[in-house]
Amino acid sequence: HDHENQLRANVAEAAKEARSKLIRVVMHDLRSPLLSTINMMELLLTLPESTTLVQPVARQAVENSAHCAKLMENIVSDMLDFERIDS
């Protein structure tokens, strides 16, 4: 009986570690392109207003997209923080 309990505990621990690793890998894989996107949008927003790439309507779209991307980055960071606490 003790052997079965130990085996179950080992399987549960291995599953928890695999889950944690998967979450960390996925969150890091999301964070990299997300940060790249944020940086590109911030770069666009530094261009002069007269540049055709950032005329008023386009500027607003880039600002909105940058804001959404930053919110997503915060979610990814929070999930990584929670995962660190949990593991």
N, C-alpha and C. Protein backbone atom coordinates (compact mmCIF):
# COMPACT_ATOMS: atom_id res chain seq x y z
N HIS A 1 0.83 -1.20 0.00
CA HIS A 1 0.00 0.00 0.00
C HIS A 1 0.87 1.26 0.00
N ASP A 2 1.93 1.24 0.79
CA ASP A 2 2.83 2.38 0.84
C ASP A 2 3.51 2.60 -0.50
N HIS A 3 3.83 1.50 -1.16
CA HIS A 3 4.47 1.60 -2.48
C HIS A 3 3.54 2.28 -3.48
N GLU A 4 2.25 1.91 -3.45
CA GLU A 4 1.27 2.52 -4.36
C GLU A 4 1.13 4.01 -4.07
N ASN A 5 1.08 4.36 -2.80
CA ASN A 5 0.96 5.78 -2.43
C ASN A 5 2.18 6.57 -2.87
N GLN A 6 3.35 5.99 -2.71
CA GLN A 6 4.58 6.65 -3.14
C GLN A 6 4.60 6.82 -4.65
N LEU A 7 4.16 5.78 -5.36
CA LEU A 7 4.09 5.84 -6.82
C LEU A 7 3.12 6.94 -7.26
N ARG A 8 1.96 7.01 -6.64
CA ARG A 8 0.98 8.07 -6.96
C ARG A 8 1.57 9.45 -6.69
N ALA A 9 2.25 9.59 -5.57
CA ALA A 9 2.86 10.88 -5.23
C ALA A 9 3.92 11.26 -6.26
N ASN A 10 4.72 10.29 -6.69
CA ASN A 10 5.75 10.55 -7.69
C ASN A 10 5.13 10.96 -9.03
N VAL A 11 4.05 10.26 -9.42
CA VAL A 11 3.37 10.58 -10.67
C VAL A 11 2.76 11.99 -10.59
N ALA A 12 2.14 12.31 -9.46
CA ALA A 12 1.54 13.63 -9.28
C ALA A 12 2.60 14.73 -9.33
N GLU A 13 3.73 14.49 -8.70
CA GLU A 13 4.81 15.48 -8.71
C GLU A 13 5.37 15.66 -10.12
N ALA A 14 5.54 14.57 -10.85
CA ALA A 14 6.04 14.65 -12.22
C ALA A 14 5.05 15.40 -13.11
N ALA A 15 3.76 15.16 -12.91
CA ALA A 15 2.74 15.87 -13.69
C ALA A 15 2.75 17.36 -13.37
N LYS A 16 2.91 17.69 -12.10
CA LYS A 16 2.97 19.10 -11.69
C LYS A 16 4.19 19.79 -12.32
N GLU A 17 5.33 19.13 -12.30
CA GLU A 17 6.54 19.70 -12.90
C GLU A 17 6.40 19.86 -14.41
N ALA A 18 5.79 18.88 -15.07
CA ALA A 18 5.59 18.96 -16.52
C ALA A 18 4.64 20.12 -16.86
N ARG A 19 3.58 20.28 -16.08
CA ARG A 19 2.64 21.37 -16.29
C ARG A 19 3.33 22.71 -16.11
N SER A 20 4.12 22.84 -15.06
CA SER A 20 4.83 24.08 -14.79
C SER A 20 5.79 24.42 -15.93
N LYS A 21 6.51 23.41 -16.39
CA LYS A 21 7.46 23.64 -17.47
C LYS A 21 6.74 24.06 -18.75
N LEU A 22 5.64 23.40 -19.06
CA LEU A 22 4.86 23.74 -20.25
C LEU A 22 4.37 25.18 -20.17
N ILE A 23 3.83 25.58 -19.03
CA ILE A 23 3.33 26.95 -18.87
C ILE A 23 4.47 27.95 -19.04
N ARG A 24 5.61 27.69 -18.43
CA ARG A 24 6.75 28.60 -18.56
C ARG A 24 7.21 28.73 -20.01
N VAL A 25 7.31 27.60 -20.71
CA VAL A 25 7.76 27.62 -22.10
C VAL A 25 6.77 28.37 -22.98
N VAL A 26 5.49 28.08 -22.81
CA VAL A 26 4.47 28.74 -23.63
C VAL A 26 4.45 30.25 -23.35
N MET A 27 4.52 30.63 -22.10
CA MET A 27 4.48 32.06 -21.76
C MET A 27 5.72 32.78 -22.30
N HIS A 28 6.88 32.17 -22.20
CA HIS A 28 8.08 32.79 -22.76
C HIS A 28 7.99 32.87 -24.28
N ASP A 29 7.43 31.84 -24.90
CA ASP A 29 7.27 31.85 -26.35
C ASP A 29 6.27 32.92 -26.79
N LEU A 30 5.30 33.23 -25.97
CA LEU A 30 4.36 34.31 -26.27
C LEU A 30 5.00 35.67 -26.04
N ARG A 31 5.78 35.77 -24.98
CA ARG A 31 6.35 37.06 -24.59
C ARG A 31 7.30 37.62 -25.65
N SER A 32 8.13 36.78 -26.24
CA SER A 32 9.13 37.27 -27.20
C SER A 32 8.51 37.99 -28.40
N PRO A 33 7.58 37.37 -29.14
CA PRO A 33 6.99 38.10 -30.27
C PRO A 33 6.14 39.28 -29.80
N LEU A 34 5.55 39.16 -28.63
CA LEU A 34 4.74 40.24 -28.10
C LEU A 34 5.60 41.47 -27.83
N LEU A 35 6.74 41.28 -27.22
CA LEU A 35 7.64 42.40 -26.96
C LEU A 35 8.17 43.00 -28.26
N SER A 36 8.42 42.16 -29.22
CA SER A 36 8.86 42.65 -30.53
C SER A 36 7.78 43.52 -31.16
N THR A 37 6.54 43.07 -31.07
CA THR A 37 5.41 43.84 -31.61
C THR A 37 5.27 45.17 -30.89
N ILE A 38 5.36 45.15 -29.58
CA ILE A 38 5.27 46.40 -28.80
C ILE A 38 6.37 47.36 -29.21
N ASN A 39 7.59 46.86 -29.33
CA ASN A 39 8.71 47.72 -29.71
C ASN A 39 8.51 48.32 -31.10
N MET A 40 8.00 47.53 -32.03
CA MET A 40 7.77 48.04 -33.38
C MET A 40 6.69 49.13 -33.37
N MET A 41 5.64 48.93 -32.59
CA MET A 41 4.59 49.95 -32.51
C MET A 41 5.12 51.23 -31.87
N GLU A 42 5.93 51.08 -30.83
CA GLU A 42 6.51 52.25 -30.19
C GLU A 42 7.43 53.00 -31.16
N LEU A 43 8.15 52.25 -31.98
CA LEU A 43 8.99 52.87 -32.98
C LEU A 43 8.15 53.65 -33.99
N LEU A 44 7.06 53.07 -34.44
CA LEU A 44 6.17 53.76 -35.37
C LEU A 44 5.65 55.06 -34.76
N LEU A 45 5.35 55.02 -33.47
CA LEU A 45 4.80 56.20 -32.81
C LEU A 45 5.84 57.30 -32.61
N THR A 46 7.11 56.99 -32.78
CA THR A 46 8.13 58.03 -32.66
C THR A 46 8.34 58.77 -33.98
N LEU A 47 7.78 58.22 -35.08
CA LEU A 47 7.93 58.89 -36.38
C LEU A 47 7.11 60.18 -36.39
N PRO A 48 7.53 61.16 -37.16
CA PRO A 48 6.79 62.43 -37.24
C PRO A 48 5.37 62.22 -37.76
N GLU A 49 4.47 63.07 -37.31
CA GLU A 49 3.06 62.99 -37.73
C GLU A 49 2.91 63.05 -39.25
N SER A 50 3.81 63.75 -39.91
CA SER A 50 3.70 63.93 -41.36
C SER A 50 4.03 62.66 -42.15
N THR A 51 4.66 61.68 -41.49
CA THR A 51 4.99 60.44 -42.17
C THR A 51 3.70 59.71 -42.53
N THR A 52 3.61 59.24 -43.75
CA THR A 52 2.37 58.60 -44.19
C THR A 52 2.04 57.36 -43.37
N LEU A 53 3.05 56.72 -42.78
CA LEU A 53 2.79 55.52 -41.98
C LEU A 53 2.01 55.82 -40.71
N VAL A 54 2.12 57.04 -40.24
CA VAL A 54 1.50 57.34 -38.94
C VAL A 54 0.57 58.55 -39.01
N GLN A 55 -0.20 58.64 -40.05
CA GLN A 55 -1.21 59.68 -40.11
C GLN A 55 -2.24 59.42 -39.02
N PRO A 56 -3.06 60.42 -38.69
CA PRO A 56 -3.92 60.33 -37.50
C PRO A 56 -4.69 59.01 -37.30
N VAL A 57 -5.34 58.52 -38.33
CA VAL A 57 -6.12 57.29 -38.16
C VAL A 57 -5.18 56.11 -37.89
N ALA A 58 -4.09 56.04 -38.64
CA ALA A 58 -3.12 54.96 -38.43
C ALA A 58 -2.48 55.10 -37.05
N ARG A 59 -2.16 56.31 -36.63
CA ARG A 59 -1.55 56.54 -35.32
C ARG A 59 -2.47 56.01 -34.22
N GLN A 60 -3.76 56.31 -34.33
CA GLN A 60 -4.72 55.84 -33.32
C GLN A 60 -4.76 54.31 -33.30
N ALA A 61 -4.73 53.70 -34.48
CA ALA A 61 -4.75 52.23 -34.55
C ALA A 61 -3.50 51.65 -33.91
N VAL A 62 -2.35 52.25 -34.18
CA VAL A 62 -1.10 51.77 -33.58
C VAL A 62 -1.12 51.96 -32.07
N GLU A 63 -1.62 53.11 -31.60
CA GLU A 63 -1.71 53.35 -30.16
C GLU A 63 -2.61 52.33 -29.49
N ASN A 64 -3.77 52.06 -30.10
CA ASN A 64 -4.69 51.06 -29.55
C ASN A 64 -4.06 49.67 -29.54
N SER A 65 -3.39 49.33 -30.63
CA SER A 65 -2.74 48.02 -30.70
C SER A 65 -1.62 47.89 -29.67
N ALA A 66 -0.85 48.95 -29.50
CA ALA A 66 0.23 48.94 -28.50
C ALA A 66 -0.34 48.77 -27.10
N HIS A 67 -1.43 49.46 -26.83
CA HIS A 67 -2.08 49.34 -25.51
C HIS A 67 -2.54 47.90 -25.27
N CYS A 68 -3.19 47.30 -26.26
CA CYS A 68 -3.66 45.91 -26.13
C CYS A 68 -2.49 44.95 -25.96
N ALA A 69 -1.43 45.16 -26.71
CA ALA A 69 -0.26 44.29 -26.60
C ALA A 69 0.36 44.40 -25.21
N LYS A 70 0.40 45.61 -24.65
CA LYS A 70 0.95 45.78 -23.31
C LYS A 70 0.08 45.09 -22.26
N LEU A 71 -1.25 45.15 -22.45
CA LEU A 71 -2.14 44.42 -21.55
C LEU A 71 -1.87 42.91 -21.62
N MET A 72 -1.68 42.41 -22.83
CA MET A 72 -1.36 40.99 -23.00
C MET A 72 -0.03 40.65 -22.35
N GLU A 73 0.95 41.54 -22.49
CA GLU A 73 2.25 41.32 -21.86
C GLU A 73 2.09 41.22 -20.34
N ASN A 74 1.24 42.07 -19.77
CA ASN A 74 1.00 42.01 -18.33
C ASN A 74 0.38 40.68 -17.92
N ILE A 75 -0.54 40.18 -18.73
CA ILE A 75 -1.16 38.88 -18.43
C ILE A 75 -0.11 37.78 -18.46
N VAL A 76 0.74 37.79 -19.49
CA VAL A 76 1.79 36.78 -19.61
C VAL A 76 2.73 36.87 -18.39
N SER A 77 3.12 38.08 -18.04
CA SER A 77 4.01 38.26 -16.88
C SER A 77 3.35 37.77 -15.59
N ASP A 78 2.08 38.09 -15.42
CA ASP A 78 1.35 37.63 -14.23
C ASP A 78 1.28 36.10 -14.17
N MET A 79 1.03 35.48 -15.31
CA MET A 79 0.96 34.03 -15.34
C MET A 79 2.31 33.42 -14.99
N LEU A 80 3.39 34.00 -15.49
CA LEU A 80 4.72 33.50 -15.14
C LEU A 80 4.99 33.70 -13.65
N ASP A 81 4.59 34.83 -13.11
CA ASP A 81 4.77 35.08 -11.67
C ASP A 81 3.98 34.06 -10.84
N PHE A 82 2.73 33.82 -11.21
CA PHE A 82 1.91 32.84 -10.48
C PHE A 82 2.52 31.45 -10.57
N GLU A 83 3.05 31.12 -11.74
CA GLU A 83 3.66 29.80 -11.93
C GLU A 83 4.89 29.66 -11.05
N ARG A 84 5.70 30.73 -10.95
CA ARG A 84 6.88 30.68 -10.09
C ARG A 84 6.48 30.46 -8.63
N ILE A 85 5.42 31.15 -8.22
CA ILE A 85 4.93 31.01 -6.84
C ILE A 85 4.43 29.59 -6.60
N ASP A 86 3.71 29.05 -7.59
CA ASP A 86 3.10 27.72 -7.46
C ASP A 86 4.12 26.60 -7.45
N SER A 87 5.27 26.80 -8.12
CA SER A 87 6.23 25.70 -8.23
C SER A 87 7.25 25.70 -7.12
